[in-house]
Protein backbone atom coordinates (compact mmCIF):
# COMPACT_ATOMS: atom_id res chain seq x y z
CA MET A 1 140.72 185.47 57.43
CA SER A 2 137.34 186.84 56.92
CA THR A 3 135.29 188.00 59.28
CA LEU A 4 131.28 187.92 58.89
CA ALA A 5 129.22 190.79 59.14
CA SER A 6 126.44 191.11 61.24
CA PRO A 7 122.76 191.14 60.39
CA GLN A 8 120.89 193.73 60.09
CA ILE A 9 117.91 193.58 61.94
CA ILE A 10 114.53 195.92 62.04
CA TYR A 11 111.61 194.87 64.00
CA VAL A 12 107.69 194.70 62.53
CA SER A 13 104.94 194.50 64.71
CA ASN A 14 100.65 194.67 64.77
CA LEU A 15 101.05 191.49 62.91
CA PRO A 16 97.58 189.40 63.35
CA TYR A 17 98.73 186.13 64.70
CA GLU A 18 98.45 184.09 61.81
CA ALA A 19 101.01 186.09 60.26
CA THR A 20 103.56 183.89 58.40
CA ASN A 21 106.85 184.24 57.21
CA ASP A 22 106.17 184.03 53.45
CA ALA A 23 103.40 186.67 53.97
CA ILE A 24 105.92 189.00 55.71
CA GLU A 25 109.08 188.21 53.24
CA ALA A 26 106.40 189.26 50.41
CA ALA A 27 105.30 192.17 52.30
CA PHE A 28 108.86 193.47 51.87
CA GLU A 29 109.83 192.04 48.54
CA LYS A 30 107.01 194.19 46.42
CA GLU A 31 108.74 196.93 48.09
CA GLY A 32 111.86 196.11 46.47
CA PHE A 33 113.67 194.84 49.32
CA GLU A 34 115.21 191.18 49.88
CA VAL A 35 115.02 189.47 53.21
CA GLU A 36 117.95 187.08 54.49
CA HIS A 37 115.47 185.89 57.25
CA ILE A 38 112.58 186.00 59.53
CA GLU A 39 111.87 185.26 63.24
CA LEU A 40 108.28 185.03 63.95
CA ILE A 41 108.49 186.06 67.90
CA LYS A 42 106.48 183.51 70.10
CA LYS A 43 105.79 184.33 73.91
CA GLY A 44 105.29 181.08 76.61
CA SER A 45 107.65 178.24 76.31
CA GLY A 46 107.72 174.44 75.43
CA THR A 47 104.26 173.16 73.77
CA ARG A 48 102.54 176.43 75.20
CA THR A 49 103.90 179.22 72.88
CA LYS A 50 101.84 181.65 70.61
CA ALA A 51 102.29 184.31 68.44
CA CYS A 52 102.64 187.52 69.59
CA GLY A 53 102.62 189.86 66.77
CA LEU A 54 106.05 190.89 66.33
CA ALA A 55 109.00 189.76 64.35
CA ALA A 56 112.93 190.38 63.55
CA VAL A 57 113.93 190.73 59.95
CA SER A 58 117.12 189.99 58.61
CA LEU A 59 117.71 192.09 55.90
CA PRO A 60 121.32 191.88 53.67
CA ASN A 61 124.25 194.38 54.62
CA GLY A 62 124.14 197.92 52.69
CA LEU A 63 121.01 199.01 53.24
CA GLU A 64 119.81 202.14 55.19
CA LEU A 65 117.31 200.79 57.72
CA ALA A 66 115.92 204.15 58.43
CA ASP A 67 114.97 203.90 54.68
CA VAL A 68 113.54 200.56 55.08
CA CYS A 69 111.52 201.41 58.64
CA LYS A 70 110.17 204.86 56.87
CA LYS A 71 108.99 202.92 53.49
CA MET A 72 108.01 199.92 55.07
CA ASP A 73 106.00 201.61 57.96
CA GLY A 74 102.53 201.08 57.03
CA LYS A 75 102.45 198.62 54.53
CA SER A 76 99.99 196.06 54.82
CA CYS A 77 100.20 192.07 55.98
CA PHE A 78 97.22 190.29 56.38
CA GLY A 79 95.37 193.37 56.07
CA ARG A 80 96.83 195.48 58.87
CA PRO A 81 99.68 198.14 58.37
CA MET A 82 102.67 197.26 59.88
CA ILE A 83 104.34 199.37 62.46
CA VAL A 84 108.39 199.15 61.37
CA ARG A 85 110.80 199.75 63.78
CA LEU A 86 114.98 199.76 64.36
CA ASP A 87 114.29 198.86 67.78
CA LYS A 88 111.73 196.31 69.61
CA PHE A 89 111.52 197.59 72.45
CA CYS A 90 110.03 201.35 71.05
CA GLY A 91 106.25 201.34 73.10
CA ASP A 92 103.93 201.35 70.25
CA ASP A 93 102.29 204.73 69.77
CA LEU A 94 98.95 204.77 70.97
CA ALA A 95 97.76 207.51 68.43
CA TYR A 96 99.31 205.34 65.35
CA THR A 97 97.76 206.11 62.66
CA PRO A 98 99.35 204.35 59.36
CA LYS A 99 100.82 206.86 55.99
CA PRO A 100 97.78 208.18 53.91
CA GLY A 101 98.49 205.52 50.80
CA ALA A 102 100.47 203.10 52.46
CA VAL A 103 97.98 200.24 52.57
């Protein structure tokens, strides 16, 4: 009997509303990270949903998520610096600035 491992998930915010799964995946692959699945979070219900600039990104097991966050934080997606965190419920830092040279 095999045991399925739970996916490793990190959260990406500060995405423009027009961000796509392909653009987010390309940003991660550019830095050498394979992506298993991306879920763009939307608010609302039924036909009245809209993007809210947040995505849950599933990564393969075996990666050190803190290292992924550190390397990906501030990288560009659609011309905006991504904020990459382990917990989607962290409050955004209003004084956030991307790392020099990250974009």
